[in-house]
Amino acid sequence: EGNEPGDSTKITYRELLHKVCQFANVLRSQGVKKGDRVSIYMPMILELIVAMLACARIGALHSVVFAGFSADSLCERILDCGCSLLIT
């Protein structure tokens, strides 16, 4: 469900699994491996869930940063967690 009334998306478990596996392969191709830290800076959309599940699938730790934070706040959080990749 989106923020606006009538703004919604339907997806099956099979479609979700396909998207998660695709994105997990993208993360692997970028050198992300088990134990790496990944920051996710996105609004509440389907792709955020896919990114979180893809990180979990390959064993990478993820940290979701609220999309309303300023660039300085985002930078501080990235440096604090020592992430190797930022997903926007």
PDB file of N, CA and C in Angstrom:
ATOM      1  N   GLU A   1       0.829  -1.178   0.000  1.00  0.00           N
ATOM      2  CA  GLU A   1       0.000   0.000   0.000  1.00  0.00           C
ATOM      3  C   GLU A   1       0.876   1.245   0.000  1.00  0.00           C
ATOM      4  N   GLY A   2       0.542   2.186  -0.842  1.00  0.00           N
ATOM      5  CA  GLY A   2       1.280   3.433  -0.920  1.00  0.00           C
ATOM      6  C   GLY A   2       0.733   4.475   0.044  1.00  0.00           C
ATOM      7  N   ASN A   3       1.282   5.656  -0.018  1.00  0.00           N
ATOM      8  CA  ASN A   3       0.849   6.740   0.856  1.00  0.00           C
ATOM      9  C   ASN A   3      -0.476   7.339   0.424  1.00  0.00           C
ATOM     10  N   GLU A   4      -0.735   7.330  -0.859  1.00  0.00           N
ATOM     11  CA  GLU A   4      -1.962   7.905  -1.394  1.00  0.00           C
ATOM     12  C   GLU A   4      -3.050   6.839  -1.482  1.00  0.00           C
ATOM     13  N   PRO A   5      -4.310   7.209  -1.237  1.00  0.00           N
ATOM     14  CA  PRO A   5      -5.397   6.234  -1.393  1.00  0.00           C
ATOM     15  C   PRO A   5      -5.439   5.704  -2.828  1.00  0.00           C
ATOM     16  N   GLY A   6      -5.578   4.420  -2.950  1.00  0.00           N
ATOM     17  CA  GLY A   6      -5.630   3.803  -4.277  1.00  0.00           C
ATOM     18  C   GLY A   6      -4.271   3.500  -4.863  1.00  0.00           C
ATOM     19  N   ASP A   7      -3.209   3.900  -4.183  1.00  0.00           N
ATOM     20  CA  ASP A   7      -1.844   3.634  -4.653  1.00  0.00           C
ATOM     21  C   ASP A   7      -1.369   2.317  -4.036  1.00  0.00           C
ATOM     22  N   SER A   8      -1.457   1.257  -4.804  1.00  0.00           N
ATOM     23  CA  SER A   8      -1.066  -0.056  -4.284  1.00  0.00           C
ATOM     24  C   SER A   8      -0.478  -0.910  -5.401  1.00  0.00           C
ATOM     25  N   THR A   9       0.253  -1.924  -5.010  1.00  0.00           N
ATOM     26  CA  THR A   9       0.858  -2.856  -5.953  1.00  0.00           C
ATOM     27  C   THR A   9       0.614  -4.263  -5.445  1.00  0.00           C
ATOM     28  N   LYS A  10       0.304  -5.162  -6.349  1.00  0.00           N
ATOM     29  CA  LYS A  10       0.137  -6.566  -5.988  1.00  0.00           C
ATOM     30  C   LYS A  10       1.266  -7.353  -6.622  1.00  0.00           C
ATOM     31  N   ILE A  11       1.826  -8.273  -5.845  1.00  0.00           N
ATOM     32  CA  ILE A  11       2.927  -9.084  -6.327  1.00  0.00           C
ATOM     33  C   ILE A  11       2.783 -10.470  -5.701  1.00  0.00           C
ATOM     34  N   THR A  12       3.087 -11.487  -6.469  1.00  0.00           N
ATOM     35  CA  THR A  12       3.017 -12.847  -5.939  1.00  0.00           C
ATOM     36  C   THR A  12       4.333 -13.186  -5.257  1.00  0.00           C
ATOM     37  N   TYR A  13       4.320 -14.240  -4.460  1.00  0.00           N
ATOM     38  CA  TYR A  13       5.552 -14.682  -3.811  1.00  0.00           C
ATOM     39  C   TYR A  13       6.588 -15.092  -4.855  1.00  0.00           C
ATOM     40  N   ARG A  14       6.143 -15.701  -5.933  1.00  0.00           N
ATOM     41  CA  ARG A  14       7.068 -16.111  -7.001  1.00  0.00           C
ATOM     42  C   ARG A  14       7.731 -14.898  -7.648  1.00  0.00           C
ATOM     43  N   GLU A  15       6.947 -13.857  -7.927  1.00  0.00           N
ATOM     44  CA  GLU A  15       7.506 -12.633  -8.511  1.00  0.00           C
ATOM     45  C   GLU A  15       8.489 -11.969  -7.550  1.00  0.00           C
ATOM     46  N   LEU A  16       8.132 -11.953  -6.264  1.00  0.00           N
ATOM     47  CA  LEU A  16       9.012 -11.369  -5.261  1.00  0.00           C
ATOM     48  C   LEU A  16      10.322 -12.144  -5.179  1.00  0.00           C
ATOM     49  N   LEU A  17      10.245 -13.467  -5.161  1.00  0.00           N
ATOM     50  CA  LEU A  17      11.450 -14.292  -5.117  1.00  0.00           C
ATOM     51  C   LEU A  17      12.333 -14.022  -6.337  1.00  0.00           C
ATOM     52  N   HIS A  18      11.727 -13.897  -7.500  1.00  0.00           N
ATOM     53  CA  HIS A  18      12.489 -13.625  -8.725  1.00  0.00           C
ATOM     54  C   HIS A  18      13.220 -12.288  -8.622  1.00  0.00           C
ATOM     55  N   LYS A  19      12.517 -11.259  -8.166  1.00  0.00           N
ATOM     56  CA  LYS A  19      13.138  -9.933  -8.028  1.00  0.00           C
ATOM     57  C   LYS A  19      14.256  -9.946  -6.985  1.00  0.00           C
ATOM     58  N   VAL A  20      14.032 -10.639  -5.865  1.00  0.00           N
ATOM     59  CA  VAL A  20      15.037 -10.721  -4.806  1.00  0.00           C
ATOM     60  C   VAL A  20      16.287 -11.439  -5.316  1.00  0.00           C
ATOM     61  N   CYS A  21      16.109 -12.553  -6.016  1.00  0.00           N
ATOM     62  CA  CYS A  21      17.257 -13.288  -6.552  1.00  0.00           C
ATOM     63  C   CYS A  21      18.022 -12.457  -7.578  1.00  0.00           C
ATOM     64  N   GLN A  22      17.299 -11.735  -8.429  1.00  0.00           N
ATOM     65  CA  GLN A  22      17.954 -10.855  -9.405  1.00  0.00           C
ATOM     66  C   GLN A  22      18.793  -9.801  -8.699  1.00  0.00           C
ATOM     67  N   PHE A  23      18.223  -9.167  -7.680  1.00  0.00           N
ATOM     68  CA  PHE A  23      18.951  -8.100  -7.008  1.00  0.00           C
ATOM     69  C   PHE A  23      20.097  -8.648  -6.171  1.00  0.00           C
ATOM     70  N   ALA A  24      19.927  -9.848  -5.625  1.00  0.00           N
ATOM     71  CA  ALA A  24      21.024 -10.488  -4.890  1.00  0.00           C
ATOM     72  C   ALA A  24      22.205 -10.727  -5.832  1.00  0.00           C
ATOM     73  N   ASN A  25      21.916 -11.109  -7.062  1.00  0.00           N
ATOM     74  CA  ASN A  25      22.986 -11.292  -8.054  1.00  0.00           C
ATOM     75  C   ASN A  25      23.658  -9.963  -8.396  1.00  0.00           C
ATOM     76  N   VAL A  26      22.887  -8.890  -8.447  1.00  0.00           N
ATOM     77  CA  VAL A  26      23.464  -7.559  -8.689  1.00  0.00           C
ATOM     78  C   VAL A  26      24.403  -7.188  -7.537  1.00  0.00           C
ATOM     79  N   LEU A  27      23.952  -7.437  -6.307  1.00  0.00           N
ATOM     80  CA  LEU A  27      24.801  -7.134  -5.156  1.00  0.00           C
ATOM     81  C   LEU A  27      26.092  -7.951  -5.197  1.00  0.00           C
ATOM     82  N   ARG A  28      25.983  -9.228  -5.519  1.00  0.00           N
ATOM     83  CA  ARG A  28      27.183 -10.073  -5.626  1.00  0.00           C
ATOM     84  C   ARG A  28      28.128  -9.550  -6.707  1.00  0.00           C
ATOM     85  N   SER A  29      27.560  -9.099  -7.824  1.00  0.00           N
ATOM     86  CA  SER A  29      28.412  -8.584  -8.910  1.00  0.00           C
ATOM     87  C   SER A  29      29.123  -7.300  -8.501  1.00  0.00           C
ATOM     88  N   GLN A  30      28.571  -6.596  -7.504  1.00  0.00           N
ATOM     89  CA  GLN A  30      29.208  -5.385  -6.980  1.00  0.00           C
ATOM     90  C   GLN A  30      30.196  -5.704  -5.857  1.00  0.00           C
ATOM     91  N   GLY A  31      30.377  -6.983  -5.574  1.00  0.00           N
ATOM     92  CA  GLY A  31      31.358  -7.396  -4.586  1.00  0.00           C
ATOM     93  C   GLY A  31      30.829  -7.526  -3.168  1.00  0.00           C
ATOM     94  N   VAL A  32      29.524  -7.425  -2.986  1.00  0.00           N
ATOM     95  CA  VAL A  32      28.936  -7.569  -1.655  1.00  0.00           C
ATOM     96  C   VAL A  32      28.906  -9.049  -1.303  1.00  0.00           C
ATOM     97  N   LYS A  33      29.361  -9.375  -0.094  1.00  0.00           N
ATOM     98  CA  LYS A  33      29.378 -10.769   0.347  1.00  0.00           C
ATOM     99  C   LYS A  33      28.870 -10.863   1.778  1.00  0.00           C
ATOM    100  N   LYS A  34      28.781 -12.076   2.276  1.00  0.00           N
ATOM    101  CA  LYS A  34      28.283 -12.326   3.622  1.00  0.00           C
ATOM    102  C   LYS A  34      29.076 -11.520   4.647  1.00  0.00           C
ATOM    103  N   GLY A  35      28.362 -10.844   5.527  1.00  0.00           N
ATOM    104  CA  GLY A  35      28.988 -10.051   6.574  1.00  0.00           C
ATOM    105  C   GLY A  35      29.232  -8.599   6.208  1.00  0.00           C
ATOM    106  N   ASP A  36      29.155  -8.250   4.922  1.00  0.00           N
ATOM    107  CA  ASP A  36      29.315  -6.851   4.516  1.00  0.00           C
ATOM    108  C   ASP A  36      28.111  -6.030   4.997  1.00  0.00           C
ATOM    109  N   ARG A  37      28.332  -4.746   5.129  1.00  0.00           N
ATOM    110  CA  ARG A  37      27.270  -3.839   5.557  1.00  0.00           C
ATOM    111  C   ARG A  37      26.813  -3.004   4.370  1.00  0.00           C
ATOM    112  N   VAL A  38      25.491  -2.900   4.239  1.00  0.00           N
ATOM    113  CA  VAL A  38      24.881  -2.160   3.131  1.00  0.00           C
ATOM    114  C   VAL A  38      23.883  -1.177   3.713  1.00  0.00           C
ATOM    115  N   SER A  39      23.931   0.075   3.275  1.00  0.00           N
ATOM    116  CA  SER A  39      22.939   1.073   3.670  1.00  0.00           C
ATOM    117  C   SER A  39      21.928   1.226   2.549  1.00  0.00           C
ATOM    118  N   ILE A  40      20.675   1.371   2.935  1.00  0.00           N
ATOM    119  CA  ILE A  40      19.592   1.528   1.956  1.00  0.00           C
ATOM    120  C   ILE A  40      18.908   2.855   2.241  1.00  0.00           C
ATOM    121  N   TYR A  41      18.892   3.745   1.256  1.00  0.00           N
ATOM    122  CA  TYR A  41      18.328   5.091   1.375  1.00  0.00           C
ATOM    123  C   TYR A  41      17.240   5.221   0.316  1.00  0.00           C
ATOM    124  N   MET A  42      16.029   4.762   0.665  1.00  0.00           N
ATOM    125  CA  MET A  42      14.923   4.744  -0.287  1.00  0.00           C
ATOM    126  C   MET A  42      13.615   5.046   0.433  1.00  0.00           C
ATOM    127  N   PRO A  43      12.624   5.528  -0.310  1.00  0.00           N
ATOM    128  CA  PRO A  43      11.293   5.680   0.290  1.00  0.00           C
ATOM    129  C   PRO A  43      10.627   4.308   0.430  1.00  0.00           C
ATOM    130  N   MET A  44       9.468   4.280   1.041  1.00  0.00           N
ATOM    131  CA  MET A  44       8.745   3.026   1.231  1.00  0.00           C
ATOM    132  C   MET A  44       8.121   2.574  -0.092  1.00  0.00           C
ATOM    133  N   ILE A  45       8.907   1.869  -0.887  1.00  0.00           N
ATOM    134  CA  ILE A  45       8.440   1.325  -2.150  1.00  0.00           C
ATOM    135  C   ILE A  45       8.826  -0.141  -2.203  1.00  0.00           C
ATOM    136  N   LEU A  46       8.302  -0.857  -3.166  1.00  0.00           N
ATOM    137  CA  LEU A  46       8.554  -2.291  -3.304  1.00  0.00           C
ATOM    138  C   LEU A  46      10.045  -2.594  -3.423  1.00  0.00           C
ATOM    139  N   GLU A  47      10.775  -1.746  -4.115  1.00  0.00           N
ATOM    140  CA  GLU A  47      12.197  -1.979  -4.315  1.00  0.00           C
ATOM    141  C   GLU A  47      12.982  -1.956  -2.999  1.00  0.00           C
ATOM    142  N   LEU A  48      12.483  -1.217  -2.006  1.00  0.00           N
ATOM    143  CA  LEU A  48      13.116  -1.225  -0.685  1.00  0.00           C
ATOM    144  C   LEU A  48      13.036  -2.620  -0.070  1.00  0.00           C
ATOM    145  N   ILE A  49      11.884  -3.231  -0.148  1.00  0.00           N
ATOM    146  CA  ILE A  49      11.703  -4.586   0.389  1.00  0.00           C
ATOM    147  C   ILE A  49      12.572  -5.574  -0.364  1.00  0.00           C
ATOM    148  N   VAL A  50      12.636  -5.438  -1.678  1.00  0.00           N
ATOM    149  CA  VAL A  50      13.477  -6.318  -2.489  1.00  0.00           C
ATOM    150  C   VAL A  50      14.939  -6.178  -2.075  1.00  0.00           C
ATOM    151  N   ALA A  51      15.398  -4.952  -1.882  1.00  0.00           N
ATOM    152  CA  ALA A  51      16.794  -4.723  -1.488  1.00  0.00           C
ATOM    153  C   ALA A  51      17.084  -5.327  -0.115  1.00  0.00           C
ATOM    154  N   MET A  52      16.166  -5.160   0.839  1.00  0.00           N
ATOM    155  CA  MET A  52      16.362  -5.729   2.166  1.00  0.00           C
ATOM    156  C   MET A  52      16.434  -7.251   2.109  1.00  0.00           C
ATOM    157  N   LEU A  53      15.517  -7.860   1.390  1.00  0.00           N
ATOM    158  CA  LEU A  53      15.495  -9.317   1.295  1.00  0.00           C
ATOM    159  C   LEU A  53      16.703  -9.854   0.526  1.00  0.00           C
ATOM    160  N   ALA A  54      17.171  -9.117  -0.474  1.00  0.00           N
ATOM    161  CA  ALA A  54      18.357  -9.536  -1.228  1.00  0.00           C
ATOM    162  C   ALA A  54      19.585  -9.510  -0.333  1.00  0.00           C
ATOM    163  N   CYS A  55      19.695  -8.494   0.503  1.00  0.00           N
ATOM    164  CA  CYS A  55      20.808  -8.439   1.461  1.00  0.00           C
ATOM    165  C   CYS A  55      20.755  -9.640   2.402  1.00  0.00           C
ATOM    166  N   ALA A  56      19.572  -9.913   2.920  1.00  0.00           N
ATOM    167  CA  ALA A  56      19.417 -11.050   3.824  1.00  0.00           C
ATOM    168  C   ALA A  56      19.733 -12.363   3.114  1.00  0.00           C
ATOM    169  N   ARG A  57      19.376 -12.448   1.855  1.00  0.00           N
ATOM    170  CA  ARG A  57      19.597 -13.682   1.090  1.00  0.00           C
ATOM    171  C   ARG A  57      21.081 -14.008   0.960  1.00  0.00           C
ATOM    172  N   ILE A  58      21.924 -12.998   0.801  1.00  0.00           N
ATOM    173  CA  ILE A  58      23.359 -13.274   0.655  1.00  0.00           C
ATOM    174  C   ILE A  58      24.114 -13.123   1.978  1.00  0.00           C
ATOM    175  N   GLY A  59      23.408 -12.765   3.044  1.00  0.00           N
ATOM    176  CA  GLY A  59      24.036 -12.670   4.355  1.00  0.00           C
ATOM    177  C   GLY A  59      24.683 -11.338   4.652  1.00  0.00           C
ATOM    178  N   ALA A  60      24.343 -10.321   3.885  1.00  0.00           N
ATOM    179  CA  ALA A  60      24.867  -8.972   4.140  1.00  0.00           C
ATOM    180  C   ALA A  60      23.954  -8.278   5.154  1.00  0.00           C
ATOM    181  N   LEU A  61      24.545  -7.493   6.024  1.00  0.00           N
ATOM    182  CA  LEU A  61      23.769  -6.719   6.986  1.00  0.00           C
ATOM    183  C   LEU A  61      23.270  -5.453   6.307  1.00  0.00           C
ATOM    184  N   HIS A  62      22.024  -5.093   6.545  1.00  0.00           N
ATOM    185  CA  HIS A  62      21.507  -3.875   5.930  1.00  0.00           C
ATOM    186  C   HIS A  62      21.009  -2.909   6.990  1.00  0.00           C
ATOM    187  N   SER A  63      21.119  -1.631   6.661  1.00  0.00           N
ATOM    188  CA  SER A  63      20.649  -0.560   7.521  1.00  0.00           C
ATOM    189  C   SER A  63      19.797   0.370   6.669  1.00  0.00           C
ATOM    190  N   VAL A  64      18.539   0.495   7.030  1.00  0.00           N
ATOM    191  CA  VAL A  64      17.638   1.357   6.274  1.00  0.00           C
ATOM    192  C   VAL A  64      17.686   2.747   6.885  1.00  0.00           C
ATOM    193  N   VAL A  65      17.987   3.747   6.054  1.00  0.00           N
ATOM    194  CA  VAL A  65      18.046   5.142   6.484  1.00  0.00           C
ATOM    195  C   VAL A  65      16.811   5.841   5.932  1.00  0.00           C
ATOM    196  N   PHE A  66      16.054   6.476   6.801  1.00  0.00           N
ATOM    197  CA  PHE A  66      14.843   7.198   6.410  1.00  0.00           C
ATOM    198  C   PHE A  66      15.175   8.220   5.332  1.00  0.00           C
ATOM    199  N   ALA A  67      14.370   8.242   4.283  1.00  0.00           N
ATOM    200  CA  ALA A  67      14.643   9.088   3.117  1.00  0.00           C
ATOM    201  C   ALA A  67      14.533  10.580   3.409  1.00  0.00           C
ATOM    202  N   GLY A  68      14.060  10.963   4.585  1.00  0.00           N
ATOM    203  CA  GLY A  68      13.936  12.373   4.915  1.00  0.00           C
ATOM    204  C   GLY A  68      15.187  12.969   5.534  1.00  0.00           C
ATOM    205  N   PHE A  69      16.206  12.161   5.804  1.00  0.00           N
ATOM    206  CA  PHE A  69      17.432  12.669   6.415  1.00  0.00           C
ATOM    207  C   PHE A  69      18.229  13.527   5.433  1.00  0.00           C
ATOM    208  N   SER A  70      18.968  14.464   5.966  1.00  0.00           N
ATOM    209  CA  SER A  70      19.809  15.322   5.136  1.00  0.00           C
ATOM    210  C   SER A  70      21.035  14.547   4.662  1.00  0.00           C
ATOM    211  N   ALA A  71      21.770  15.133   3.741  1.00  0.00           N
ATOM    212  CA  ALA A  71      22.975  14.485   3.218  1.00  0.00           C
ATOM    213  C   ALA A  71      24.019  14.290   4.313  1.00  0.00           C
ATOM    214  N   ASP A  72      24.141  15.275   5.211  1.00  0.00           N
ATOM    215  CA  ASP A  72      25.102  15.149   6.310  1.00  0.00           C
ATOM    216  C   ASP A  72      24.734  14.017   7.258  1.00  0.00           C
ATOM    217  N   SER A  73      23.454  13.896   7.582  1.00  0.00           N
ATOM    218  CA  SER A  73      22.998  12.819   8.464  1.00  0.00           C
ATOM    219  C   SER A  73      23.215  11.460   7.814  1.00  0.00           C
ATOM    220  N   LEU A  74      22.936  11.386   6.515  1.00  0.00           N
ATOM    221  CA  LEU A  74      23.156  10.137   5.785  1.00  0.00           C
ATOM    222  C   LEU A  74      24.632   9.774   5.810  1.00  0.00           C
ATOM    223  N   CYS A  75      25.494  10.748   5.588  1.00  0.00           N
ATOM    224  CA  CYS A  75      26.938  10.523   5.594  1.00  0.00           C
ATOM    225  C   CYS A  75      27.404   9.993   6.951  1.00  0.00           C
ATOM    226  N   GLU A  76      26.899  10.576   8.026  1.00  0.00           N
ATOM    227  CA  GLU A  76      27.275  10.131   9.370  1.00  0.00           C
ATOM    228  C   GLU A  76      26.876   8.684   9.605  1.00  0.00           C
ATOM    229  N   ARG A  77      25.694   8.322   9.177  1.00  0.00           N
ATOM    230  CA  ARG A  77      25.225   6.953   9.380  1.00  0.00           C
ATOM    231  C   ARG A  77      26.028   5.960   8.548  1.00  0.00           C
ATOM    232  N   ILE A  78      26.386   6.342   7.339  1.00  0.00           N
ATOM    233  CA  ILE A  78      27.197   5.465   6.487  1.00  0.00           C
ATOM    234  C   ILE A  78      28.562   5.241   7.121  1.00  0.00           C
ATOM    235  N   LEU A  79      29.169   6.304   7.597  1.00  0.00           N
ATOM    236  CA  LEU A  79      30.490   6.179   8.214  1.00  0.00           C
ATOM    237  C   LEU A  79      30.436   5.401   9.522  1.00  0.00           C
ATOM    238  N   ASP A  80      29.379   5.612  10.310  1.00  0.00           N
ATOM    239  CA  ASP A  80      29.245   4.922  11.596  1.00  0.00           C
ATOM    240  C   ASP A  80      29.123   3.409  11.428  1.00  0.00           C
ATOM    241  N   CYS A  81      28.365   2.975  10.421  1.00  0.00           N
ATOM    242  CA  CYS A  81      28.170   1.537  10.266  1.00  0.00           C
ATOM    243  C   CYS A  81      29.245   0.904   9.391  1.00  0.00           C
ATOM    244  N   GLY A  82      30.044   1.714   8.727  1.00  0.00           N
ATOM    245  CA  GLY A  82      31.119   1.168   7.893  1.00  0.00           C
ATOM    246  C   GLY A  82      30.602   0.404   6.690  1.00  0.00           C
ATOM    247  N   CYS A  83      29.551   0.925   6.058  1.00  0.00           N
ATOM    248  CA  CYS A  83      28.950   0.190   4.938  1.00  0.00           C
ATOM    249  C   CYS A  83      29.844   0.221   3.704  1.00  0.00           C
ATOM    250  N   SER A  84      29.719  -0.835   2.922  1.00  0.00           N
ATOM    251  CA  SER A  84      30.513  -0.939   1.699  1.00  0.00           C
ATOM    252  C   SER A  84      29.714  -0.551   0.461  1.00  0.00           C
ATOM    253  N   LEU A  85      28.391  -0.367   0.617  1.00  0.00           N
ATOM    254  CA  LEU A  85      27.547  -0.037  -0.537  1.00  0.00           C
ATOM    255  C   LEU A  85      26.337   0.752  -0.056  1.00  0.00           C
ATOM    256  N   LEU A  86      25.934   1.735  -0.836  1.00  0.00           N
ATOM    257  CA  LEU A  86      24.721   2.510  -0.563  1.00  0.00           C
ATOM    258  C   LEU A  86      23.752   2.276  -1.700  1.00  0.00           C
ATOM    259  N   ILE A  87      22.561   1.854  -1.356  1.00  0.00           N
ATOM    260  CA  ILE A  87      21.498   1.621  -2.360  1.00  0.00           C
ATOM    261  C   ILE A  87      20.529   2.782  -2.259  1.00  0.00           C
ATOM    262  N   THR A  88      20.299   3.481  -3.404  1.00  0.00           N
ATOM    263  CA  THR A  88      19.337   4.582  -3.427  1.00  0.00           C
ATOM    264  C   THR A  88      18.311   4.334  -4.488  1.00  0.00           C
TER     265      THR A  88
END
